[in-house]
Amino acid sequence: MLCWSRFLEDGVIKILLLLVVGFAVWAVIRGYQRSLNHPPSSARDAIAEDMVKCAHCGVNLPRSEAIYSGGDFFCTPEHKQLGKK
């Protein structure tokens, strides 16, 4: 037991604890600085998509959401049935 009491009296635990806290603060600050250098993933991954106009109502919509029929694009199956205006 004398060994542990001398260990505590010397302040070695306090120094080790201070080092651990200092490392944790450094890691948090470094992670924050790295996050500032990178734009959000949604902004990086955004890809422009062609827009098309519905032949019936004129609404613009992404090509991937449009219905293609007879050389024209439509926004809904109902407008596809109604046809071009």
PDB file of N, CA and C in Angstrom:
ATOM      1  N   MET A   1       0.801  -1.191   0.000  1.00  0.00           N
ATOM      2  CA  MET A   1       0.000   0.000   0.000  1.00  0.00           C
ATOM      3  C   MET A   1       0.843   1.254   0.000  1.00  0.00           C
ATOM      4  N   LEU A   2       1.991   1.186   0.552  1.00  0.00           N
ATOM      5  CA  LEU A   2       2.857   2.352   0.564  1.00  0.00           C
ATOM      6  C   LEU A   2       3.228   2.786  -0.846  1.00  0.00           C
ATOM      7  N   CYS A   3       3.338   1.835  -1.722  1.00  0.00           N
ATOM      8  CA  CYS A   3       3.705   2.133  -3.104  1.00  0.00           C
ATOM      9  C   CYS A   3       2.634   2.999  -3.764  1.00  0.00           C
ATOM     10  N   TRP A   4       1.355   2.655  -3.568  1.00  0.00           N
ATOM     11  CA  TRP A   4       0.270   3.416  -4.180  1.00  0.00           C
ATOM     12  C   TRP A   4       0.146   4.807  -3.579  1.00  0.00           C
ATOM     13  N   SER A   5       0.320   4.939  -2.300  1.00  0.00           N
ATOM     14  CA  SER A   5       0.196   6.256  -1.672  1.00  0.00           C
ATOM     15  C   SER A   5       1.304   7.188  -2.149  1.00  0.00           C
ATOM     16  N   ARG A   6       2.493   6.652  -2.300  1.00  0.00           N
ATOM     17  CA  ARG A   6       3.593   7.490  -2.801  1.00  0.00           C
ATOM     18  C   ARG A   6       3.320   7.885  -4.259  1.00  0.00           C
ATOM     19  N   PHE A   7       2.759   6.945  -5.030  1.00  0.00           N
ATOM     20  CA  PHE A   7       2.419   7.197  -6.434  1.00  0.00           C
ATOM     21  C   PHE A   7       1.419   8.361  -6.526  1.00  0.00           C
ATOM     22  N   LEU A   8       0.412   8.369  -5.665  1.00  0.00           N
ATOM     23  CA  LEU A   8      -0.593   9.419  -5.660  1.00  0.00           C
ATOM     24  C   LEU A   8      -0.037  10.742  -5.141  1.00  0.00           C
ATOM     25  N   GLU A   9       0.822  10.670  -4.182  1.00  0.00           N
ATOM     26  CA  GLU A   9       1.396  11.885  -3.605  1.00  0.00           C
ATOM     27  C   GLU A   9       2.298  12.606  -4.596  1.00  0.00           C
ATOM     28  N   ASP A  10       2.924  11.878  -5.464  1.00  0.00           N
ATOM     29  CA  ASP A  10       3.861  12.494  -6.407  1.00  0.00           C
ATOM     30  C   ASP A  10       3.138  13.273  -7.511  1.00  0.00           C
ATOM     31  N   GLY A  11       1.859  13.047  -7.654  1.00  0.00           N
ATOM     32  CA  GLY A  11       1.105  13.786  -8.664  1.00  0.00           C
ATOM     33  C   GLY A  11       1.185  13.179 -10.055  1.00  0.00           C
ATOM     34  N   VAL A  12       1.685  11.960 -10.151  1.00  0.00           N
ATOM     35  CA  VAL A  12       1.805  11.313 -11.451  1.00  0.00           C
ATOM     36  C   VAL A  12       0.423  11.086 -12.053  1.00  0.00           C
ATOM     37  N   ILE A  13      -0.542  10.733 -11.222  1.00  0.00           N
ATOM     38  CA  ILE A  13      -1.911  10.529 -11.706  1.00  0.00           C
ATOM     39  C   ILE A  13      -2.452  11.829 -12.281  1.00  0.00           C
ATOM     40  N   LYS A  14      -2.178  12.924 -11.604  1.00  0.00           N
ATOM     41  CA  LYS A  14      -2.662  14.214 -12.085  1.00  0.00           C
ATOM     42  C   LYS A  14      -2.054  14.565 -13.446  1.00  0.00           C
ATOM     43  N   ILE A  15      -0.796  14.267 -13.617  1.00  0.00           N
ATOM     44  CA  ILE A  15      -0.122  14.542 -14.893  1.00  0.00           C
ATOM     45  C   ILE A  15      -0.699  13.668 -15.992  1.00  0.00           C
ATOM     46  N   LEU A  16      -0.902  12.380 -15.709  1.00  0.00           N
ATOM     47  CA  LEU A  16      -1.484  11.481 -16.704  1.00  0.00           C
ATOM     48  C   LEU A  16      -2.901  11.913 -17.074  1.00  0.00           C
ATOM     49  N   LEU A  17      -3.685  12.295 -16.083  1.00  0.00           N
ATOM     50  CA  LEU A  17      -5.046  12.761 -16.343  1.00  0.00           C
ATOM     51  C   LEU A  17      -5.022  14.028 -17.191  1.00  0.00           C
ATOM     52  N   LEU A  18      -4.120  14.925 -16.897  1.00  0.00           N
ATOM     53  CA  LEU A  18      -3.992  16.155 -17.685  1.00  0.00           C
ATOM     54  C   LEU A  18      -3.612  15.833 -19.134  1.00  0.00           C
ATOM     55  N   LEU A  19      -2.741  14.874 -19.342  1.00  0.00           N
ATOM     56  CA  LEU A  19      -2.364  14.467 -20.694  1.00  0.00           C
ATOM     57  C   LEU A  19      -3.551  13.864 -21.448  1.00  0.00           C
ATOM     58  N   VAL A  20      -4.342  13.040 -20.790  1.00  0.00           N
ATOM     59  CA  VAL A  20      -5.508  12.420 -21.423  1.00  0.00           C
ATOM     60  C   VAL A  20      -6.530  13.486 -21.810  1.00  0.00           C
ATOM     61  N   VAL A  21      -6.793  14.425 -20.914  1.00  0.00           N
ATOM     62  CA  VAL A  21      -7.753  15.502 -21.217  1.00  0.00           C
ATOM     63  C   VAL A  21      -7.224  16.369 -22.354  1.00  0.00           C
ATOM     64  N   GLY A  22      -5.944  16.668 -22.330  1.00  0.00           N
ATOM     65  CA  GLY A  22      -5.346  17.470 -23.400  1.00  0.00           C
ATOM     66  C   GLY A  22      -5.446  16.772 -24.752  1.00  0.00           C
ATOM     67  N   PHE A  23      -5.211  15.483 -24.777  1.00  0.00           N
ATOM     68  CA  PHE A  23      -5.328  14.727 -26.025  1.00  0.00           C
ATOM     69  C   PHE A  23      -6.770  14.730 -26.531  1.00  0.00           C
ATOM     70  N   ALA A  24      -7.729  14.568 -25.632  1.00  0.00           N
ATOM     71  CA  ALA A  24      -9.142  14.564 -26.031  1.00  0.00           C
ATOM     72  C   ALA A  24      -9.540  15.917 -26.627  1.00  0.00           C
ATOM     73  N   VAL A  25      -9.119  17.005 -26.004  1.00  0.00           N
ATOM     74  CA  VAL A  25      -9.425  18.339 -26.533  1.00  0.00           C
ATOM     75  C   VAL A  25      -8.775  18.519 -27.896  1.00  0.00           C
ATOM     76  N   TRP A  26      -7.541  18.109 -28.042  1.00  0.00           N
ATOM     77  CA  TRP A  26      -6.833  18.224 -29.323  1.00  0.00           C
ATOM     78  C   TRP A  26      -7.555  17.430 -30.419  1.00  0.00           C
ATOM     79  N   ALA A  27      -8.009  16.221 -30.093  1.00  0.00           N
ATOM     80  CA  ALA A  27      -8.698  15.384 -31.079  1.00  0.00           C
ATOM     81  C   ALA A  27     -10.020  16.017 -31.514  1.00  0.00           C
ATOM     82  N   VAL A  28     -10.765  16.597 -30.582  1.00  0.00           N
ATOM     83  CA  VAL A  28     -12.037  17.244 -30.926  1.00  0.00           C
ATOM     84  C   VAL A  28     -11.795  18.455 -31.818  1.00  0.00           C
ATOM     85  N   ILE A  29     -10.829  19.271 -31.482  1.00  0.00           N
ATOM     86  CA  ILE A  29     -10.529  20.467 -32.289  1.00  0.00           C
ATOM     87  C   ILE A  29     -10.055  20.071 -33.678  1.00  0.00           C
ATOM     88  N   ARG A  30      -9.224  19.070 -33.771  1.00  0.00           N
ATOM     89  CA  ARG A  30      -8.724  18.617 -35.071  1.00  0.00           C
ATOM     90  C   ARG A  30      -9.860  18.067 -35.938  1.00  0.00           C
ATOM     91  N   GLY A  31     -10.759  17.313 -35.354  1.00  0.00           N
ATOM     92  CA  GLY A  31     -11.908  16.792 -36.091  1.00  0.00           C
ATOM     93  C   GLY A  31     -12.807  17.912 -36.583  1.00  0.00           C
ATOM     94  N   TYR A  32     -13.012  18.929 -35.768  1.00  0.00           N
ATOM     95  CA  TYR A  32     -13.832  20.078 -36.167  1.00  0.00           C
ATOM     96  C   TYR A  32     -13.186  20.826 -37.329  1.00  0.00           C
ATOM     97  N   GLN A  33     -11.885  21.032 -37.265  1.00  0.00           N
ATOM     98  CA  GLN A  33     -11.188  21.733 -38.343  1.00  0.00           C
ATOM     99  C   GLN A  33     -11.257  20.945 -39.645  1.00  0.00           C
ATOM    100  N   ARG A  34     -11.169  19.637 -39.575  1.00  0.00           N
ATOM    101  CA  ARG A  34     -11.278  18.814 -40.780  1.00  0.00           C
ATOM    102  C   ARG A  34     -12.672  18.907 -41.381  1.00  0.00           C
ATOM    103  N   SER A  35     -13.691  18.977 -40.536  1.00  0.00           N
ATOM    104  CA  SER A  35     -15.062  19.065 -41.051  1.00  0.00           C
ATOM    105  C   SER A  35     -15.305  20.399 -41.742  1.00  0.00           C
ATOM    106  N   LEU A  36     -14.596  21.438 -41.359  1.00  0.00           N
ATOM    107  CA  LEU A  36     -14.747  22.743 -42.007  1.00  0.00           C
ATOM    108  C   LEU A  36     -14.164  22.744 -43.419  1.00  0.00           C
ATOM    109  N   ASN A  37     -13.184  21.896 -43.674  1.00  0.00           N
ATOM    110  CA  ASN A  37     -12.520  21.860 -44.972  1.00  0.00           C
ATOM    111  C   ASN A  37     -13.284  21.073 -46.021  1.00  0.00           C
ATOM    112  N   HIS A  38     -14.293  20.288 -45.625  1.00  0.00           N
ATOM    113  CA  HIS A  38     -15.035  19.457 -46.558  1.00  0.00           C
ATOM    114  C   HIS A  38     -16.477  19.933 -46.647  1.00  0.00           C
ATOM    115  N   PRO A  39     -16.985  20.153 -47.864  1.00  0.00           N
ATOM    116  CA  PRO A  39     -18.403  20.499 -47.981  1.00  0.00           C
ATOM    117  C   PRO A  39     -19.256  19.294 -47.604  1.00  0.00           C
ATOM    118  N   PRO A  40     -20.502  19.527 -47.238  1.00  0.00           N
ATOM    119  CA  PRO A  40     -21.374  18.393 -46.905  1.00  0.00           C
ATOM    120  C   PRO A  40     -21.463  17.401 -48.058  1.00  0.00           C
ATOM    121  N   SER A  41     -21.638  16.137 -47.741  1.00  0.00           N
ATOM    122  CA  SER A  41     -21.639  15.097 -48.764  1.00  0.00           C
ATOM    123  C   SER A  41     -22.753  15.298 -49.783  1.00  0.00           C
ATOM    124  N   SER A  42     -23.893  15.837 -49.355  1.00  0.00           N
ATOM    125  CA  SER A  42     -24.988  16.042 -50.299  1.00  0.00           C
ATOM    126  C   SER A  42     -24.611  17.078 -51.354  1.00  0.00           C
ATOM    127  N   ALA A  43     -23.830  18.093 -50.982  1.00  0.00           N
ATOM    128  CA  ALA A  43     -23.411  19.106 -51.951  1.00  0.00           C
ATOM    129  C   ALA A  43     -22.372  18.540 -52.917  1.00  0.00           C
ATOM    130  N   ARG A  44     -21.505  17.660 -52.415  1.00  0.00           N
ATOM    131  CA  ARG A  44     -20.490  17.063 -53.281  1.00  0.00           C
ATOM    132  C   ARG A  44     -21.091  16.073 -54.262  1.00  0.00           C
ATOM    133  N   ASP A  45     -22.103  15.333 -53.827  1.00  0.00           N
ATOM    134  CA  ASP A  45     -22.659  14.268 -54.634  1.00  0.00           C
ATOM    135  C   ASP A  45     -23.778  14.721 -55.565  1.00  0.00           C
ATOM    136  N   ALA A  46     -24.190  15.974 -55.429  1.00  0.00           N
ATOM    137  CA  ALA A  46     -25.300  16.449 -56.258  1.00  0.00           C
ATOM    138  C   ALA A  46     -24.882  16.477 -57.726  1.00  0.00           C
ATOM    139  N   ILE A  47     -25.678  15.831 -58.565  1.00  0.00           N
ATOM    140  CA  ILE A  47     -25.399  15.774 -59.993  1.00  0.00           C
ATOM    141  C   ILE A  47     -26.565  16.443 -60.701  1.00  0.00           C
ATOM    142  N   ALA A  48     -26.252  17.362 -61.585  1.00  0.00           N
ATOM    143  CA  ALA A  48     -27.300  18.045 -62.326  1.00  0.00           C
ATOM    144  C   ALA A  48     -27.986  17.060 -63.266  1.00  0.00           C
ATOM    145  N   GLU A  49     -29.299  17.160 -63.340  1.00  0.00           N
ATOM    146  CA  GLU A  49     -30.069  16.269 -64.188  1.00  0.00           C
ATOM    147  C   GLU A  49     -30.853  17.102 -65.197  1.00  0.00           C
ATOM    148  N   ASP A  50     -30.998  16.583 -66.402  1.00  0.00           N
ATOM    149  CA  ASP A  50     -31.752  17.275 -67.438  1.00  0.00           C
ATOM    150  C   ASP A  50     -33.212  17.401 -67.028  1.00  0.00           C
ATOM    151  N   MET A  51     -33.781  18.573 -67.330  1.00  0.00           N
ATOM    152  CA  MET A  51     -35.192  18.806 -67.071  1.00  0.00           C
ATOM    153  C   MET A  51     -35.935  18.733 -68.404  1.00  0.00           C
ATOM    154  N   VAL A  52     -37.152  18.190 -68.354  1.00  0.00           N
ATOM    155  CA  VAL A  52     -37.987  18.099 -69.552  1.00  0.00           C
ATOM    156  C   VAL A  52     -39.348  18.722 -69.238  1.00  0.00           C
ATOM    157  N   LYS A  53     -40.065  19.067 -70.279  1.00  0.00           N
ATOM    158  CA  LYS A  53     -41.363  19.714 -70.126  1.00  0.00           C
ATOM    159  C   LYS A  53     -42.472  18.737 -70.504  1.00  0.00           C
ATOM    160  N   CYS A  54     -43.506  18.692 -69.673  1.00  0.00           N
ATOM    161  CA  CYS A  54     -44.659  17.849 -69.963  1.00  0.00           C
ATOM    162  C   CYS A  54     -45.344  18.396 -71.223  1.00  0.00           C
ATOM    163  N   ALA A  55     -45.612  17.510 -72.181  1.00  0.00           N
ATOM    164  CA  ALA A  55     -46.222  17.925 -73.441  1.00  0.00           C
ATOM    165  C   ALA A  55     -47.676  18.346 -73.252  1.00  0.00           C
ATOM    166  N   HIS A  56     -48.286  17.967 -72.147  1.00  0.00           N
ATOM    167  CA  HIS A  56     -49.693  18.309 -71.929  1.00  0.00           C
ATOM    168  C   HIS A  56     -49.857  19.609 -71.129  1.00  0.00           C
ATOM    169  N   CYS A  57     -49.212  19.701 -69.957  1.00  0.00           N
ATOM    170  CA  CYS A  57     -49.429  20.858 -69.087  1.00  0.00           C
ATOM    171  C   CYS A  57     -48.260  21.839 -69.041  1.00  0.00           C
ATOM    172  N   GLY A  58     -47.093  21.436 -69.532  1.00  0.00           N
ATOM    173  CA  GLY A  58     -45.950  22.342 -69.557  1.00  0.00           C
ATOM    174  C   GLY A  58     -45.107  22.357 -68.293  1.00  0.00           C
ATOM    175  N   VAL A  59     -45.420  21.508 -67.339  1.00  0.00           N
ATOM    176  CA  VAL A  59     -44.636  21.445 -66.100  1.00  0.00           C
ATOM    177  C   VAL A  59     -43.249  20.889 -66.395  1.00  0.00           C
ATOM    178  N   ASN A  60     -42.214  21.498 -65.791  1.00  0.00           N
ATOM    179  CA  ASN A  60     -40.848  20.989 -65.920  1.00  0.00           C
ATOM    180  C   ASN A  60     -40.588  19.983 -64.813  1.00  0.00           C
ATOM    181  N   LEU A  61     -39.954  18.868 -65.178  1.00  0.00           N
ATOM    182  CA  LEU A  61     -39.628  17.839 -64.201  1.00  0.00           C
ATOM    183  C   LEU A  61     -38.350  17.131 -64.640  1.00  0.00           C
ATOM    184  N   PRO A  62     -37.658  16.474 -63.685  1.00  0.00           N
ATOM    185  CA  PRO A  62     -36.438  15.747 -64.044  1.00  0.00           C
ATOM    186  C   PRO A  62     -36.740  14.634 -65.043  1.00  0.00           C
ATOM    187  N   ARG A  63     -35.818  14.421 -65.951  1.00  0.00           N
ATOM    188  CA  ARG A  63     -35.997  13.398 -66.988  1.00  0.00           C
ATOM    189  C   ARG A  63     -36.244  12.023 -66.375  1.00  0.00           C
ATOM    190  N   SER A  64     -35.604  11.728 -65.242  1.00  0.00           N
ATOM    191  CA  SER A  64     -35.764  10.408 -64.620  1.00  0.00           C
ATOM    192  C   SER A  64     -37.173  10.185 -64.072  1.00  0.00           C
ATOM    193  N   GLU A  65     -37.921  11.251 -63.804  1.00  0.00           N
ATOM    194  CA  GLU A  65     -39.281  11.120 -63.276  1.00  0.00           C
ATOM    195  C   GLU A  65     -40.345  11.235 -64.368  1.00  0.00           C
ATOM    196  N   ALA A  66     -39.938  11.598 -65.565  1.00  0.00           N
ATOM    197  CA  ALA A  66     -40.897  11.801 -66.648  1.00  0.00           C
ATOM    198  C   ALA A  66     -41.272  10.480 -67.316  1.00  0.00           C
ATOM    199  N   ILE A  67     -42.444  10.492 -67.956  1.00  0.00           N
ATOM    200  CA  ILE A  67     -42.921   9.335 -68.724  1.00  0.00           C
ATOM    201  C   ILE A  67     -42.725   9.680 -70.194  1.00  0.00           C
ATOM    202  N   TYR A  68     -41.950   8.858 -70.910  1.00  0.00           N
ATOM    203  CA  TYR A  68     -41.654   9.109 -72.314  1.00  0.00           C
ATOM    204  C   TYR A  68     -42.578   8.258 -73.177  1.00  0.00           C
ATOM    205  N   SER A  69     -43.260   8.923 -74.097  1.00  0.00           N
ATOM    206  CA  SER A  69     -44.167   8.185 -74.977  1.00  0.00           C
ATOM    207  C   SER A  69     -44.332   8.938 -76.287  1.00  0.00           C
ATOM    208  N   GLY A  70     -44.111   8.256 -77.382  1.00  0.00           N
ATOM    209  CA  GLY A  70     -44.314   8.833 -78.704  1.00  0.00           C
ATOM    210  C   GLY A  70     -43.484  10.067 -78.987  1.00  0.00           C
ATOM    211  N   GLY A  71     -42.293  10.130 -78.446  1.00  0.00           N
ATOM    212  CA  GLY A  71     -41.406  11.263 -78.690  1.00  0.00           C
ATOM    213  C   GLY A  71     -41.653  12.447 -77.773  1.00  0.00           C
ATOM    214  N   ASP A  72     -42.582  12.331 -76.837  1.00  0.00           N
ATOM    215  CA  ASP A  72     -42.884  13.416 -75.898  1.00  0.00           C
ATOM    216  C   ASP A  72     -42.750  12.930 -74.463  1.00  0.00           C
ATOM    217  N   PHE A  73     -42.566  13.894 -73.550  1.00  0.00           N
ATOM    218  CA  PHE A  73     -42.482  13.597 -72.123  1.00  0.00           C
ATOM    219  C   PHE A  73     -43.766  14.050 -71.448  1.00  0.00           C
ATOM    220  N   PHE A  74     -44.186  13.276 -70.439  1.00  0.00           N
ATOM    221  CA  PHE A  74     -45.390  13.602 -69.679  1.00  0.00           C
ATOM    222  C   PHE A  74     -45.082  13.475 -68.193  1.00  0.00           C
ATOM    223  N   CYS A  75     -45.820  14.251 -67.386  1.00  0.00           N
ATOM    224  CA  CYS A  75     -45.563  14.242 -65.941  1.00  0.00           C
ATOM    225  C   CYS A  75     -46.351  13.164 -65.210  1.00  0.00           C
ATOM    226  N   THR A  76     -47.484  12.749 -65.738  1.00  0.00           N
ATOM    227  CA  THR A  76     -48.305  11.716 -65.094  1.00  0.00           C
ATOM    228  C   THR A  76     -48.879  10.782 -66.154  1.00  0.00           C
ATOM    229  N   PRO A  77     -49.301   9.583 -65.745  1.00  0.00           N
ATOM    230  CA  PRO A  77     -49.946   8.673 -66.705  1.00  0.00           C
ATOM    231  C   PRO A  77     -51.237   9.280 -67.287  1.00  0.00           C
ATOM    232  N   GLU A  78     -51.947  10.092 -66.502  1.00  0.00           N
ATOM    233  CA  GLU A  78     -53.170  10.730 -66.993  1.00  0.00           C
ATOM    234  C   GLU A  78     -52.870  11.691 -68.143  1.00  0.00           C
ATOM    235  N   HIS A  79     -51.798  12.465 -67.987  1.00  0.00           N
ATOM    236  CA  HIS A  79     -51.424  13.394 -69.059  1.00  0.00           C
ATOM    237  C   HIS A  79     -50.927  12.635 -70.282  1.00  0.00           C
ATOM    238  N   LYS A  80     -50.330  11.486 -70.058  1.00  0.00           N
ATOM    239  CA  LYS A  80     -49.902  10.649 -71.192  1.00  0.00           C
ATOM    240  C   LYS A  80     -51.140  10.186 -71.972  1.00  0.00           C
ATOM    241  N   GLN A  81     -52.208   9.794 -71.267  1.00  0.00           N
ATOM    242  CA  GLN A  81     -53.434   9.353 -71.928  1.00  0.00           C
ATOM    243  C   GLN A  81     -54.118  10.505 -72.652  1.00  0.00           C
ATOM    244  N   LEU A  82     -54.084  11.694 -72.052  1.00  0.00           N
ATOM    245  CA  LEU A  82     -54.720  12.853 -72.670  1.00  0.00           C
ATOM    246  C   LEU A  82     -53.957  13.318 -73.911  1.00  0.00           C
ATOM    247  N   GLY A  83     -52.648  13.069 -73.932  1.00  0.00           N
ATOM    248  CA  GLY A  83     -51.827  13.425 -75.081  1.00  0.00           C
ATOM    249  C   GLY A  83     -51.377  14.870 -75.086  1.00  0.00           C
ATOM    250  N   LYS A  84     -50.760  15.231 -76.199  1.00  0.00           N
ATOM    251  CA  LYS A  84     -50.165  16.549 -76.377  1.00  0.00           C
ATOM    252  C   LYS A  84     -51.273  17.591 -76.551  1.00  0.00           C
ATOM    253  N   LYS A  85     -51.087  18.754 -75.962  1.00  0.00           N
ATOM    254  CA  LYS A  85     -52.048  19.863 -76.107  1.00  0.00           C
ATOM    255  C   LYS A  85     -51.756  20.653 -77.345  1.00  0.00           C
TER     256      LYS A  85
END
